[in-house]
Amino acid sequence: MTGHTDDESRFSPSRFFPMMAEKLETAPLAAQSEPQGDHVLNPDLADVPFSYRDAAVLIPVIAREPDVTVLLTVRTAHLSAHAGQIAFPGGKIDPSDGSPTAAAVRETEEEVGLDRAAIHPIGGLVPYLSRTGYRIFPIVARVDPDFALTLNPNEVEEAFEVPLAFLMSPENHRRGSRMFGGRSRAFYEIPFERHYIWGVTAGIIRGLYEQVCD
């Protein structure tokens, strides 16, 4: 790559975004046939006859200097599913969306009030299959650093940023387990300061590491 100085890290905006664009352009990850998902750490889930519903999430990579960060949300405590958990902005793909990218951008606007003019999609990762029956399309996007958020109190309690360098450090990817439906289930967990990132969100972060940064 060109146009950067030797003292810049691989997570500086001038290095990370061209690298990401090049990888997604030369080998579109979303087109690969083998999905990521909860079944990777729990092979017995492969025998469960899920009927998957399509959803999309945005991985908003903010062009901060000197290194980029990622925007995450805390879901409100009163939601019927995944209340209080850390998540990427996103949700179900509506017929009117037309694409996973359009759905991810729309949901981001609705949940945190991030103006779509500040969102620049780069490409999609391999879909993630969840044990709750969703096929989730993670969309990586560059976000301009000068933005204002207006959180939807019905969905989001808090939004915060994490350095991408922290999320892409494999030593921060721990393996945890809990009992679900009378069976032990393994998952990734990534504690960050007072926040506990785990489950699908941590699995997608691990997927980003394995597909792009490993």
N, C-alpha and C. Protein backbone atom coordinates (compact mmCIF):
# COMPACT_ATOMS: atom_id res chain seq x y z
N MET A 1 0.84 -1.19 0.00
CA MET A 1 0.00 0.00 0.00
C MET A 1 0.88 1.25 0.00
N THR A 2 0.30 2.31 -0.48
CA THR A 2 1.05 3.55 -0.53
C THR A 2 0.26 4.63 0.18
N GLY A 3 0.94 5.78 0.35
CA GLY A 3 0.24 6.91 0.91
C GLY A 3 0.18 6.93 2.41
N HIS A 4 1.01 6.16 3.12
CA HIS A 4 1.02 6.19 4.56
C HIS A 4 2.45 6.19 5.06
N THR A 5 2.66 6.62 6.28
CA THR A 5 3.99 6.67 6.86
C THR A 5 4.28 5.39 7.61
N ASP A 6 5.57 5.15 7.85
CA ASP A 6 5.99 3.90 8.49
C ASP A 6 5.50 3.78 9.92
N ASP A 7 5.23 4.93 10.59
CA ASP A 7 4.83 4.86 11.99
C ASP A 7 3.31 4.69 12.16
N GLU A 8 2.56 4.61 11.05
CA GLU A 8 1.13 4.37 11.14
C GLU A 8 0.86 2.89 11.39
N SER A 9 -0.13 2.61 12.24
CA SER A 9 -0.49 1.22 12.49
C SER A 9 -1.39 0.72 11.37
N ARG A 10 -1.59 -0.60 11.34
CA ARG A 10 -2.45 -1.19 10.31
C ARG A 10 -3.90 -0.78 10.50
N PHE A 11 -4.23 -0.17 11.66
CA PHE A 11 -5.60 0.25 11.94
C PHE A 11 -5.79 1.76 11.78
N SER A 12 -4.82 2.44 11.22
CA SER A 12 -5.04 3.84 10.89
C SER A 12 -6.00 3.91 9.72
N PRO A 13 -6.81 4.97 9.62
CA PRO A 13 -7.76 5.04 8.50
C PRO A 13 -7.10 4.91 7.13
N SER A 14 -5.91 5.50 6.97
CA SER A 14 -5.27 5.47 5.66
C SER A 14 -4.78 4.09 5.26
N ARG A 15 -4.62 3.19 6.22
CA ARG A 15 -4.18 1.83 5.91
C ARG A 15 -5.33 0.82 5.97
N PHE A 16 -6.18 0.95 6.98
CA PHE A 16 -7.21 -0.08 7.17
C PHE A 16 -8.24 -0.08 6.06
N PHE A 17 -8.79 1.08 5.71
CA PHE A 17 -9.88 1.10 4.74
C PHE A 17 -9.45 0.64 3.34
N PRO A 18 -8.29 1.06 2.83
CA PRO A 18 -7.86 0.50 1.54
C PRO A 18 -7.66 -1.01 1.60
N MET A 19 -7.10 -1.52 2.71
CA MET A 19 -6.92 -2.96 2.86
C MET A 19 -8.26 -3.67 2.84
N MET A 20 -9.22 -3.15 3.58
CA MET A 20 -10.54 -3.77 3.63
C MET A 20 -11.21 -3.74 2.26
N ALA A 21 -11.15 -2.61 1.58
CA ALA A 21 -11.77 -2.50 0.27
C ALA A 21 -11.13 -3.47 -0.72
N GLU A 22 -9.81 -3.60 -0.65
CA GLU A 22 -9.11 -4.50 -1.57
C GLU A 22 -9.52 -5.96 -1.33
N LYS A 23 -9.60 -6.35 -0.08
CA LYS A 23 -9.96 -7.74 0.23
C LYS A 23 -11.39 -8.05 -0.19
N LEU A 24 -12.30 -7.13 0.06
CA LEU A 24 -13.69 -7.39 -0.28
C LEU A 24 -13.95 -7.28 -1.78
N GLU A 25 -13.08 -6.53 -2.48
CA GLU A 25 -13.25 -6.40 -3.93
C GLU A 25 -12.67 -7.61 -4.65
N THR A 26 -11.52 -8.08 -4.20
CA THR A 26 -10.86 -9.18 -4.90
C THR A 26 -11.44 -10.54 -4.54
N ALA A 27 -12.01 -10.67 -3.34
CA ALA A 27 -12.60 -11.94 -2.89
C ALA A 27 -13.84 -11.64 -2.06
N PRO A 28 -14.96 -11.34 -2.72
CA PRO A 28 -16.18 -10.98 -1.96
C PRO A 28 -16.54 -12.07 -0.96
N LEU A 29 -16.38 -11.76 0.31
CA LEU A 29 -16.54 -12.77 1.35
C LEU A 29 -17.98 -13.24 1.46
N ALA A 30 -18.93 -12.36 1.20
CA ALA A 30 -20.34 -12.72 1.33
C ALA A 30 -20.75 -13.78 0.32
N ALA A 31 -19.95 -13.96 -0.74
CA ALA A 31 -20.29 -14.93 -1.77
C ALA A 31 -19.77 -16.33 -1.45
N GLN A 32 -18.96 -16.46 -0.41
CA GLN A 32 -18.46 -17.77 -0.03
C GLN A 32 -19.61 -18.64 0.45
N SER A 33 -19.47 -19.95 0.21
CA SER A 33 -20.58 -20.85 0.48
C SER A 33 -20.67 -21.30 1.93
N GLU A 34 -19.57 -21.30 2.66
CA GLU A 34 -19.57 -21.84 4.02
C GLU A 34 -19.85 -20.73 5.02
N PRO A 35 -21.00 -20.73 5.68
CA PRO A 35 -21.31 -19.65 6.62
C PRO A 35 -20.60 -19.81 7.95
N GLN A 36 -20.44 -18.70 8.65
CA GLN A 36 -19.99 -18.70 10.03
C GLN A 36 -21.22 -18.92 10.91
N GLY A 37 -21.01 -19.06 12.22
CA GLY A 37 -22.17 -19.15 13.09
C GLY A 37 -21.94 -19.89 14.37
N ASP A 38 -23.03 -20.00 15.14
CA ASP A 38 -22.96 -20.67 16.44
C ASP A 38 -22.55 -22.13 16.30
N HIS A 39 -22.81 -22.74 15.14
CA HIS A 39 -22.48 -24.15 14.94
C HIS A 39 -20.98 -24.41 14.88
N VAL A 40 -20.18 -23.36 14.68
CA VAL A 40 -18.73 -23.55 14.60
C VAL A 40 -18.18 -24.03 15.94
N LEU A 41 -18.62 -23.42 17.04
CA LEU A 41 -18.21 -23.86 18.36
C LEU A 41 -19.12 -24.94 18.92
N ASN A 42 -20.27 -25.14 18.28
CA ASN A 42 -21.26 -26.13 18.74
C ASN A 42 -21.67 -27.00 17.56
N PRO A 43 -20.84 -27.96 17.18
CA PRO A 43 -21.12 -28.76 15.97
C PRO A 43 -22.47 -29.47 16.00
N ASP A 44 -23.00 -29.77 17.18
CA ASP A 44 -24.28 -30.46 17.25
C ASP A 44 -25.43 -29.62 16.71
N LEU A 45 -25.24 -28.30 16.64
CA LEU A 45 -26.28 -27.44 16.09
C LEU A 45 -26.48 -27.67 14.60
N ALA A 46 -25.48 -28.27 13.94
CA ALA A 46 -25.60 -28.51 12.50
C ALA A 46 -26.72 -29.49 12.20
N ASP A 47 -27.13 -30.27 13.20
CA ASP A 47 -28.20 -31.24 13.00
C ASP A 47 -29.58 -30.67 13.27
N VAL A 48 -29.64 -29.41 13.74
CA VAL A 48 -30.92 -28.79 14.06
C VAL A 48 -31.55 -28.22 12.78
N PRO A 49 -32.77 -28.61 12.43
CA PRO A 49 -33.38 -28.16 11.16
C PRO A 49 -33.94 -26.74 11.27
N PHE A 50 -33.04 -25.74 11.36
CA PHE A 50 -33.50 -24.36 11.44
C PHE A 50 -34.07 -23.91 10.10
N SER A 51 -35.07 -23.07 10.16
CA SER A 51 -35.53 -22.32 9.01
C SER A 51 -35.08 -20.89 9.23
N TYR A 52 -34.04 -20.47 8.55
CA TYR A 52 -33.41 -19.20 8.85
C TYR A 52 -34.16 -18.01 8.24
N ARG A 53 -34.27 -16.96 9.05
CA ARG A 53 -34.81 -15.69 8.59
C ARG A 53 -33.63 -14.74 8.36
N ASP A 54 -33.71 -13.93 7.32
CA ASP A 54 -32.59 -13.07 6.96
C ASP A 54 -32.60 -11.77 7.75
N ALA A 55 -31.42 -11.38 8.22
CA ALA A 55 -31.22 -10.11 8.93
C ALA A 55 -29.87 -9.54 8.50
N ALA A 56 -29.65 -8.30 8.83
CA ALA A 56 -28.38 -7.65 8.49
C ALA A 56 -27.95 -6.74 9.63
N VAL A 57 -26.66 -6.66 9.85
CA VAL A 57 -26.11 -5.72 10.83
C VAL A 57 -25.02 -4.90 10.16
N LEU A 58 -24.85 -3.70 10.66
CA LEU A 58 -23.78 -2.84 10.18
C LEU A 58 -22.61 -2.92 11.15
N ILE A 59 -21.42 -3.11 10.62
CA ILE A 59 -20.20 -2.97 11.40
C ILE A 59 -19.66 -1.59 11.10
N PRO A 60 -20.02 -0.57 11.92
CA PRO A 60 -19.65 0.82 11.61
C PRO A 60 -18.23 1.10 12.10
N VAL A 61 -17.29 1.16 11.16
CA VAL A 61 -15.90 1.44 11.48
C VAL A 61 -15.67 2.94 11.31
N ILE A 62 -15.42 3.61 12.42
CA ILE A 62 -15.33 5.07 12.41
C ILE A 62 -13.90 5.50 12.11
N ALA A 63 -13.75 6.43 11.20
CA ALA A 63 -12.44 6.86 10.73
C ALA A 63 -11.77 7.81 11.72
N ARG A 64 -11.56 7.32 12.92
CA ARG A 64 -10.88 8.11 13.95
C ARG A 64 -9.37 8.10 13.70
N GLU A 65 -8.72 9.16 14.12
CA GLU A 65 -7.26 9.22 14.13
C GLU A 65 -6.77 9.09 15.56
N PRO A 66 -5.67 8.38 15.82
CA PRO A 66 -4.81 7.75 14.82
C PRO A 66 -5.30 6.39 14.34
N ASP A 67 -6.22 5.75 15.11
CA ASP A 67 -6.70 4.42 14.73
C ASP A 67 -8.23 4.39 14.74
N VAL A 68 -8.78 3.56 13.89
CA VAL A 68 -10.23 3.47 13.74
C VAL A 68 -10.87 2.80 14.95
N THR A 69 -12.15 3.08 15.14
CA THR A 69 -12.94 2.46 16.21
C THR A 69 -14.19 1.84 15.61
N VAL A 70 -14.89 1.06 16.42
CA VAL A 70 -16.14 0.43 15.99
C VAL A 70 -17.26 0.87 16.92
N LEU A 71 -18.40 1.21 16.33
CA LEU A 71 -19.57 1.64 17.10
C LEU A 71 -20.42 0.42 17.47
N LEU A 72 -20.72 0.29 18.75
CA LEU A 72 -21.59 -0.78 19.24
C LEU A 72 -22.71 -0.17 20.08
N THR A 73 -23.77 -0.93 20.27
CA THR A 73 -24.91 -0.44 21.05
C THR A 73 -25.21 -1.37 22.22
N VAL A 74 -25.90 -0.83 23.21
CA VAL A 74 -26.46 -1.62 24.31
C VAL A 74 -27.97 -1.62 24.12
N ARG A 75 -28.54 -2.81 23.96
CA ARG A 75 -29.98 -2.91 23.74
C ARG A 75 -30.72 -2.58 25.03
N THR A 76 -31.89 -1.99 24.91
CA THR A 76 -32.65 -1.60 26.09
C THR A 76 -33.10 -2.83 26.88
N ALA A 77 -33.32 -2.62 28.16
CA ALA A 77 -33.58 -3.74 29.06
C ALA A 77 -34.98 -4.33 28.89
N HIS A 78 -35.92 -3.60 28.27
CA HIS A 78 -37.29 -4.09 28.18
C HIS A 78 -37.59 -4.88 26.91
N LEU A 79 -36.59 -5.05 26.03
CA LEU A 79 -36.85 -5.77 24.78
C LEU A 79 -37.13 -7.25 25.06
N SER A 80 -37.92 -7.85 24.19
CA SER A 80 -38.30 -9.26 24.39
C SER A 80 -37.17 -10.22 24.07
N ALA A 81 -36.21 -9.79 23.24
CA ALA A 81 -35.09 -10.66 22.87
C ALA A 81 -33.77 -9.92 23.05
N HIS A 82 -32.81 -10.59 23.66
CA HIS A 82 -31.45 -10.07 23.83
C HIS A 82 -31.42 -8.73 24.56
N ALA A 83 -32.29 -8.56 25.52
CA ALA A 83 -32.35 -7.31 26.27
C ALA A 83 -31.04 -7.07 27.01
N GLY A 84 -30.56 -5.82 26.94
CA GLY A 84 -29.36 -5.42 27.66
C GLY A 84 -28.06 -5.90 27.06
N GLN A 85 -28.11 -6.62 25.95
CA GLN A 85 -26.89 -7.15 25.36
C GLN A 85 -26.23 -6.14 24.44
N ILE A 86 -24.93 -6.37 24.19
CA ILE A 86 -24.17 -5.55 23.25
C ILE A 86 -24.47 -6.04 21.84
N ALA A 87 -24.69 -5.11 20.92
CA ALA A 87 -25.05 -5.49 19.56
C ALA A 87 -24.53 -4.48 18.55
N PHE A 88 -24.42 -4.94 17.31
CA PHE A 88 -24.26 -4.02 16.19
C PHE A 88 -25.65 -3.51 15.82
N PRO A 89 -25.75 -2.29 15.29
CA PRO A 89 -27.06 -1.85 14.80
C PRO A 89 -27.50 -2.73 13.63
N GLY A 90 -28.76 -3.11 13.63
CA GLY A 90 -29.25 -3.96 12.55
C GLY A 90 -30.57 -4.59 12.91
N GLY A 91 -31.07 -5.43 12.00
CA GLY A 91 -32.35 -6.09 12.23
C GLY A 91 -32.77 -6.88 11.02
N LYS A 92 -34.05 -7.26 10.99
CA LYS A 92 -34.58 -8.07 9.90
C LYS A 92 -34.52 -7.31 8.57
N ILE A 93 -34.33 -8.07 7.50
CA ILE A 93 -34.34 -7.50 6.15
C ILE A 93 -35.78 -7.46 5.66
N ASP A 94 -36.28 -6.26 5.40
CA ASP A 94 -37.63 -6.10 4.89
C ASP A 94 -37.65 -6.27 3.37
N PRO A 95 -38.77 -6.72 2.81
CA PRO A 95 -38.86 -6.86 1.35
C PRO A 95 -38.55 -5.55 0.62
N SER A 96 -38.86 -4.42 1.25
CA SER A 96 -38.63 -3.14 0.60
C SER A 96 -37.16 -2.70 0.63
N ASP A 97 -36.33 -3.39 1.40
CA ASP A 97 -34.93 -2.98 1.50
C ASP A 97 -34.16 -3.23 0.22
N GLY A 98 -34.38 -4.37 -0.37
CA GLY A 98 -33.69 -4.67 -1.63
C GLY A 98 -32.35 -5.35 -1.49
N SER A 99 -31.67 -5.17 -0.35
CA SER A 99 -30.37 -5.79 -0.15
C SER A 99 -30.02 -5.76 1.34
N PRO A 100 -29.12 -6.65 1.77
CA PRO A 100 -28.67 -6.59 3.16
C PRO A 100 -28.03 -5.25 3.51
N THR A 101 -27.29 -4.66 2.58
CA THR A 101 -26.66 -3.37 2.85
C THR A 101 -27.70 -2.30 3.12
N ALA A 102 -28.74 -2.25 2.31
CA ALA A 102 -29.80 -1.26 2.50
C ALA A 102 -30.49 -1.46 3.84
N ALA A 103 -30.70 -2.72 4.22
CA ALA A 103 -31.34 -3.00 5.51
C ALA A 103 -30.46 -2.56 6.67
N ALA A 104 -29.16 -2.84 6.58
CA ALA A 104 -28.24 -2.47 7.65
C ALA A 104 -28.16 -0.96 7.83
N VAL A 105 -28.14 -0.23 6.73
CA VAL A 105 -28.08 1.23 6.81
C VAL A 105 -29.39 1.78 7.37
N ARG A 106 -30.51 1.25 6.91
CA ARG A 106 -31.82 1.71 7.41
C ARG A 106 -31.94 1.47 8.91
N GLU A 107 -31.61 0.26 9.34
CA GLU A 107 -31.72 -0.06 10.76
C GLU A 107 -30.79 0.81 11.61
N THR A 108 -29.62 1.13 11.09
CA THR A 108 -28.69 2.00 11.83
C THR A 108 -29.27 3.38 12.01
N GLU A 109 -29.87 3.91 10.95
CA GLU A 109 -30.54 5.21 11.06
C GLU A 109 -31.66 5.16 12.09
N GLU A 110 -32.45 4.10 12.07
CA GLU A 110 -33.59 4.01 12.97
C GLU A 110 -33.17 3.81 14.42
N GLU A 111 -32.12 3.06 14.65
CA GLU A 111 -31.73 2.72 16.02
C GLU A 111 -30.91 3.81 16.70
N VAL A 112 -29.95 4.38 15.99
CA VAL A 112 -29.04 5.34 16.64
C VAL A 112 -29.04 6.71 15.98
N GLY A 113 -29.83 6.89 14.93
CA GLY A 113 -29.92 8.20 14.30
C GLY A 113 -28.68 8.62 13.54
N LEU A 114 -27.86 7.66 13.12
CA LEU A 114 -26.67 7.99 12.34
C LEU A 114 -27.08 8.29 10.90
N ASP A 115 -26.80 9.49 10.46
CA ASP A 115 -27.17 9.94 9.12
C ASP A 115 -26.52 9.04 8.08
N ARG A 116 -27.32 8.52 7.15
CA ARG A 116 -26.77 7.62 6.13
C ARG A 116 -25.73 8.30 5.25
N ALA A 117 -25.74 9.63 5.21
CA ALA A 117 -24.73 10.33 4.42
C ALA A 117 -23.33 10.14 5.00
N ALA A 118 -23.26 9.78 6.29
CA ALA A 118 -21.96 9.54 6.93
C ALA A 118 -21.52 8.09 6.83
N ILE A 119 -22.38 7.22 6.26
CA ILE A 119 -22.10 5.79 6.18
C ILE A 119 -21.69 5.43 4.76
N HIS A 120 -20.52 4.80 4.62
CA HIS A 120 -20.00 4.42 3.32
C HIS A 120 -19.73 2.91 3.30
N PRO A 121 -20.70 2.11 2.87
CA PRO A 121 -20.53 0.66 2.87
C PRO A 121 -19.33 0.22 2.03
N ILE A 122 -18.61 -0.76 2.54
CA ILE A 122 -17.44 -1.30 1.86
C ILE A 122 -17.75 -2.67 1.26
N GLY A 123 -18.40 -3.53 2.04
CA GLY A 123 -18.74 -4.86 1.55
C GLY A 123 -19.23 -5.75 2.66
N GLY A 124 -19.61 -6.97 2.29
CA GLY A 124 -20.18 -7.89 3.25
C GLY A 124 -19.25 -9.03 3.61
N LEU A 125 -19.39 -9.51 4.84
CA LEU A 125 -18.67 -10.69 5.30
C LEU A 125 -19.52 -11.93 5.07
N VAL A 126 -18.96 -13.08 5.39
CA VAL A 126 -19.71 -14.33 5.30
C VAL A 126 -20.90 -14.27 6.25
N PRO A 127 -22.09 -14.69 5.83
CA PRO A 127 -23.25 -14.67 6.72
C PRO A 127 -23.01 -15.49 7.98
N TYR A 128 -23.67 -15.05 9.05
CA TYR A 128 -23.54 -15.71 10.36
C TYR A 128 -24.87 -16.35 10.71
N LEU A 129 -24.85 -17.65 11.01
CA LEU A 129 -26.06 -18.37 11.38
C LEU A 129 -26.16 -18.44 12.89
N SER A 130 -27.28 -17.95 13.43
CA SER A 130 -27.47 -17.94 14.88
C SER A 130 -28.33 -19.11 15.30
N ARG A 131 -28.17 -19.54 16.55
CA ARG A 131 -28.96 -20.66 17.07
C ARG A 131 -30.43 -20.27 17.22
N THR A 132 -30.73 -18.97 17.18
CA THR A 132 -32.12 -18.51 17.27
C THR A 132 -32.81 -18.46 15.91
N GLY A 133 -32.11 -18.91 14.86
CA GLY A 133 -32.76 -19.05 13.57
C GLY A 133 -32.63 -17.88 12.62
N TYR A 134 -31.55 -17.08 12.75
CA TYR A 134 -31.32 -15.97 11.83
C TYR A 134 -30.07 -16.20 11.00
N ARG A 135 -30.16 -15.84 9.73
CA ARG A 135 -28.98 -15.74 8.88
C ARG A 135 -28.63 -14.26 8.78
N ILE A 136 -27.54 -13.89 9.42
CA ILE A 136 -27.20 -12.48 9.59
C ILE A 136 -26.09 -12.10 8.61
N PHE A 137 -26.34 -11.04 7.84
CA PHE A 137 -25.36 -10.53 6.89
C PHE A 137 -24.62 -9.34 7.52
N PRO A 138 -23.35 -9.50 7.90
CA PRO A 138 -22.59 -8.37 8.46
C PRO A 138 -22.04 -7.50 7.33
N ILE A 139 -22.36 -6.22 7.37
CA ILE A 139 -21.92 -5.26 6.36
C ILE A 139 -20.91 -4.31 6.98
N VAL A 140 -19.70 -4.29 6.43
CA VAL A 140 -18.65 -3.40 6.92
C VAL A 140 -18.79 -2.05 6.24
N ALA A 141 -18.73 -0.97 7.02
CA ALA A 141 -18.86 0.37 6.45
C ALA A 141 -17.90 1.34 7.12
N ARG A 142 -17.41 2.26 6.35
CA ARG A 142 -16.64 3.38 6.89
C ARG A 142 -17.62 4.46 7.32
N VAL A 143 -17.39 5.03 8.51
CA VAL A 143 -18.24 6.08 9.03
C VAL A 143 -17.40 7.33 9.25
N ASP A 144 -17.87 8.45 8.70
CA ASP A 144 -17.17 9.72 8.91
C ASP A 144 -17.16 10.05 10.40
N PRO A 145 -16.04 10.55 10.92
CA PRO A 145 -15.91 10.73 12.38
C PRO A 145 -16.75 11.86 12.96
N ASP A 146 -17.15 12.81 12.14
CA ASP A 146 -17.95 13.93 12.66
C ASP A 146 -19.44 13.61 12.49
N PHE A 147 -20.04 13.05 13.53
CA PHE A 147 -21.45 12.69 13.44
C PHE A 147 -22.11 12.92 14.80
N ALA A 148 -23.42 12.97 14.76
CA ALA A 148 -24.21 13.06 15.99
C ALA A 148 -25.20 11.91 16.00
N LEU A 149 -25.44 11.34 17.18
CA LEU A 149 -26.36 10.24 17.32
C LEU A 149 -27.63 10.68 18.04
N THR A 150 -28.75 10.10 17.65
CA THR A 150 -30.00 10.27 18.37
C THR A 150 -30.55 8.87 18.62
N LEU A 151 -30.33 8.36 19.83
CA LEU A 151 -30.68 6.99 20.13
C LEU A 151 -32.19 6.81 20.22
N ASN A 152 -32.67 5.72 19.65
CA ASN A 152 -34.08 5.35 19.77
C ASN A 152 -34.26 4.67 21.12
N PRO A 153 -34.93 5.31 22.09
CA PRO A 153 -35.01 4.74 23.44
C PRO A 153 -35.79 3.43 23.51
N ASN A 154 -36.56 3.14 22.47
CA ASN A 154 -37.29 1.88 22.45
C ASN A 154 -36.39 0.69 22.11
N GLU A 155 -35.20 0.98 21.57
CA GLU A 155 -34.32 -0.10 21.14
C GLU A 155 -32.92 -0.02 21.73
N VAL A 156 -32.42 1.19 21.93
CA VAL A 156 -31.01 1.35 22.30
C VAL A 156 -30.89 2.19 23.57
N GLU A 157 -30.18 1.63 24.52
CA GLU A 157 -29.95 2.34 25.79
C GLU A 157 -28.68 3.18 25.74
N GLU A 158 -27.69 2.71 24.99
CA GLU A 158 -26.38 3.37 24.98
C GLU A 158 -25.65 2.99 23.70
N ALA A 159 -24.78 3.88 23.23
CA ALA A 159 -23.86 3.58 22.13
C ALA A 159 -22.45 3.94 22.59
N PHE A 160 -21.49 3.12 22.19
CA PHE A 160 -20.11 3.37 22.61
C PHE A 160 -19.15 2.87 21.53
N GLU A 161 -17.91 3.31 21.61
CA GLU A 161 -16.90 2.93 20.63
C GLU A 161 -15.81 2.08 21.26
N VAL A 162 -15.30 1.15 20.48
CA VAL A 162 -14.20 0.27 20.89
C VAL A 162 -13.11 0.36 19.84
N PRO A 163 -11.86 0.51 20.22
CA PRO A 163 -10.79 0.49 19.21
C PRO A 163 -10.80 -0.82 18.43
N LEU A 164 -10.74 -0.74 17.11
CA LEU A 164 -10.74 -1.96 16.32
C LEU A 164 -9.52 -2.81 16.61
N ALA A 165 -8.41 -2.18 16.94
CA ALA A 165 -7.20 -2.94 17.29
C ALA A 165 -7.45 -3.87 18.47
N PHE A 166 -8.25 -3.41 19.43
CA PHE A 166 -8.59 -4.26 20.59
C PHE A 166 -9.45 -5.44 20.14
N LEU A 167 -10.46 -5.17 19.30
CA LEU A 167 -11.36 -6.23 18.86
C LEU A 167 -10.65 -7.23 17.95
N MET A 168 -9.61 -6.81 17.24
CA MET A 168 -8.90 -7.70 16.33
C MET A 168 -7.69 -8.36 16.97
N SER A 169 -7.56 -8.26 18.28
CA SER A 169 -6.48 -8.94 19.00
C SER A 169 -7.01 -10.28 19.49
N PRO A 170 -6.51 -11.40 18.97
CA PRO A 170 -7.09 -12.71 19.32
C PRO A 170 -6.99 -13.05 20.80
N GLU A 171 -6.02 -12.45 21.50
CA GLU A 171 -5.92 -12.73 22.94
C GLU A 171 -7.11 -12.17 23.71
N ASN A 172 -7.88 -11.28 23.09
CA ASN A 172 -9.08 -10.75 23.74
C ASN A 172 -10.33 -11.58 23.44
N HIS A 173 -10.19 -12.60 22.61
CA HIS A 173 -11.32 -13.46 22.24
C HIS A 173 -11.32 -14.68 23.15
N ARG A 174 -12.14 -14.64 24.17
CA ARG A 174 -12.23 -15.75 25.10
C ARG A 174 -13.37 -16.68 24.71
N ARG A 175 -13.34 -17.88 25.23
CA ARG A 175 -14.44 -18.82 25.01
C ARG A 175 -15.18 -19.04 26.33
N GLY A 176 -16.47 -18.82 26.30
CA GLY A 176 -17.31 -19.05 27.46
C GLY A 176 -18.36 -20.09 27.14
N SER A 177 -19.15 -20.46 28.13
CA SER A 177 -20.23 -21.42 27.92
C SER A 177 -21.34 -21.17 28.92
N ARG A 178 -22.56 -21.48 28.52
CA ARG A 178 -23.74 -21.38 29.38
C ARG A 178 -24.71 -22.49 29.01
N MET A 179 -25.66 -22.72 29.88
CA MET A 179 -26.70 -23.71 29.61
C MET A 179 -27.86 -23.02 28.88
N PHE A 180 -28.23 -23.54 27.72
CA PHE A 180 -29.39 -23.06 26.96
C PHE A 180 -30.26 -24.26 26.63
N GLY A 181 -31.50 -24.24 27.08
CA GLY A 181 -32.40 -25.35 26.80
C GLY A 181 -31.89 -26.67 27.33
N GLY A 182 -31.21 -26.62 28.46
CA GLY A 182 -30.71 -27.84 29.07
C GLY A 182 -29.44 -28.39 28.46
N ARG A 183 -28.81 -27.62 27.56
CA ARG A 183 -27.59 -28.07 26.91
C ARG A 183 -26.53 -26.98 27.02
N SER A 184 -25.29 -27.40 27.19
CA SER A 184 -24.19 -26.46 27.29
C SER A 184 -23.85 -25.92 25.90
N ARG A 185 -23.77 -24.60 25.80
CA ARG A 185 -23.43 -23.97 24.53
C ARG A 185 -22.19 -23.10 24.71
N ALA A 186 -21.25 -23.25 23.76
CA ALA A 186 -20.03 -22.46 23.78
C ALA A 186 -20.20 -21.22 22.91
N PHE A 187 -19.48 -20.15 23.26
CA PHE A 187 -19.56 -18.89 22.50
C PHE A 187 -18.30 -18.08 22.77
N TYR A 188 -18.08 -17.08 21.94
CA TYR A 188 -16.98 -16.14 22.17
C TYR A 188 -17.47 -15.03 23.09
N GLU A 189 -16.54 -14.52 23.89
CA GLU A 189 -16.82 -13.37 24.75
C GLU A 189 -15.62 -12.44 24.70
N ILE A 190 -15.90 -11.13 24.67
CA ILE A 190 -14.84 -10.12 24.57
C ILE A 190 -15.15 -9.02 25.57
N PRO A 191 -14.71 -9.15 26.80
CA PRO A 191 -14.92 -8.07 27.78
C PRO A 191 -14.12 -6.82 27.37
N PHE A 192 -14.77 -5.67 27.48
CA PHE A 192 -14.10 -4.39 27.19
C PHE A 192 -14.55 -3.36 28.21
N GLU A 193 -13.62 -2.96 29.06
CA GLU A 193 -13.92 -2.01 30.12
C GLU A 193 -15.15 -2.51 30.90
N ARG A 194 -16.21 -1.72 31.00
CA ARG A 194 -17.38 -2.17 31.77
C ARG A 194 -18.39 -2.95 30.94
N HIS A 195 -18.06 -3.18 29.67
CA HIS A 195 -18.99 -3.85 28.75
C HIS A 195 -18.57 -5.31 28.55
N TYR A 196 -19.57 -6.16 28.35
CA TYR A 196 -19.36 -7.58 28.13
C TYR A 196 -19.97 -7.95 26.78
N ILE A 197 -19.10 -8.11 25.79
CA ILE A 197 -19.52 -8.45 24.43
C ILE A 197 -19.46 -9.97 24.30
N TRP A 198 -20.58 -10.58 23.91
CA TRP A 198 -20.58 -12.04 23.81
C TRP A 198 -21.62 -12.50 22.80
N GLY A 199 -21.68 -13.82 22.59
CA GLY A 199 -22.69 -14.39 21.72
C GLY A 199 -22.50 -14.03 20.26
N VAL A 200 -23.60 -13.70 19.58
CA VAL A 200 -23.55 -13.44 18.15
C VAL A 200 -22.63 -12.27 17.82
N THR A 201 -22.72 -11.20 18.60
CA THR A 201 -21.87 -10.03 18.32
C THR A 201 -20.40 -10.38 18.41
N ALA A 202 -20.01 -11.08 19.46
CA ALA A 202 -18.61 -11.50 19.59
C ALA A 202 -18.26 -12.49 18.48
N GLY A 203 -19.21 -13.35 18.08
CA GLY A 203 -18.94 -14.28 17.00
C GLY A 203 -18.70 -13.58 15.67
N ILE A 204 -19.45 -12.51 15.40
CA ILE A 204 -19.25 -11.74 14.17
C ILE A 204 -17.90 -11.03 14.22
N ILE A 205 -17.53 -10.51 15.38
CA ILE A 205 -16.23 -9.86 15.53
C ILE A 205 -15.11 -10.88 15.27
N ARG A 206 -15.27 -12.08 15.83
CA ARG A 206 -14.29 -13.14 15.57
C ARG A 206 -14.24 -13.46 14.09
N GLY A 207 -15.40 -13.49 13.43
CA GLY A 207 -15.44 -13.74 12.00
C GLY A 207 -14.71 -12.67 11.21
N LEU A 208 -14.86 -11.41 11.61
CA LEU A 208 -14.15 -10.32 10.94
C LEU A 208 -12.64 -10.54 11.08
N TYR A 209 -12.22 -10.92 12.26
CA TYR A 209 -10.79 -11.19 12.49
C TYR A 209 -10.31 -12.32 11.57
N GLU A 210 -11.03 -13.42 11.53
CA GLU A 210 -10.58 -14.59 10.78
C GLU A 210 -10.63 -14.34 9.26
N GLN A 211 -11.63 -13.57 8.81
CA GLN A 211 -11.80 -13.40 7.37
C GLN A 211 -10.96 -12.26 6.79
N VAL A 212 -10.61 -11.30 7.63
CA VAL A 212 -9.95 -10.10 7.10
C VAL A 212 -8.59 -9.83 7.72
N CYS A 213 -8.49 -9.98 9.03
CA CYS A 213 -7.29 -9.50 9.73
C CYS A 213 -6.32 -10.58 10.17
N ASP A 214 -6.71 -11.85 10.10
CA ASP A 214 -5.84 -12.92 10.56
C ASP A 214 -4.66 -13.09 9.60
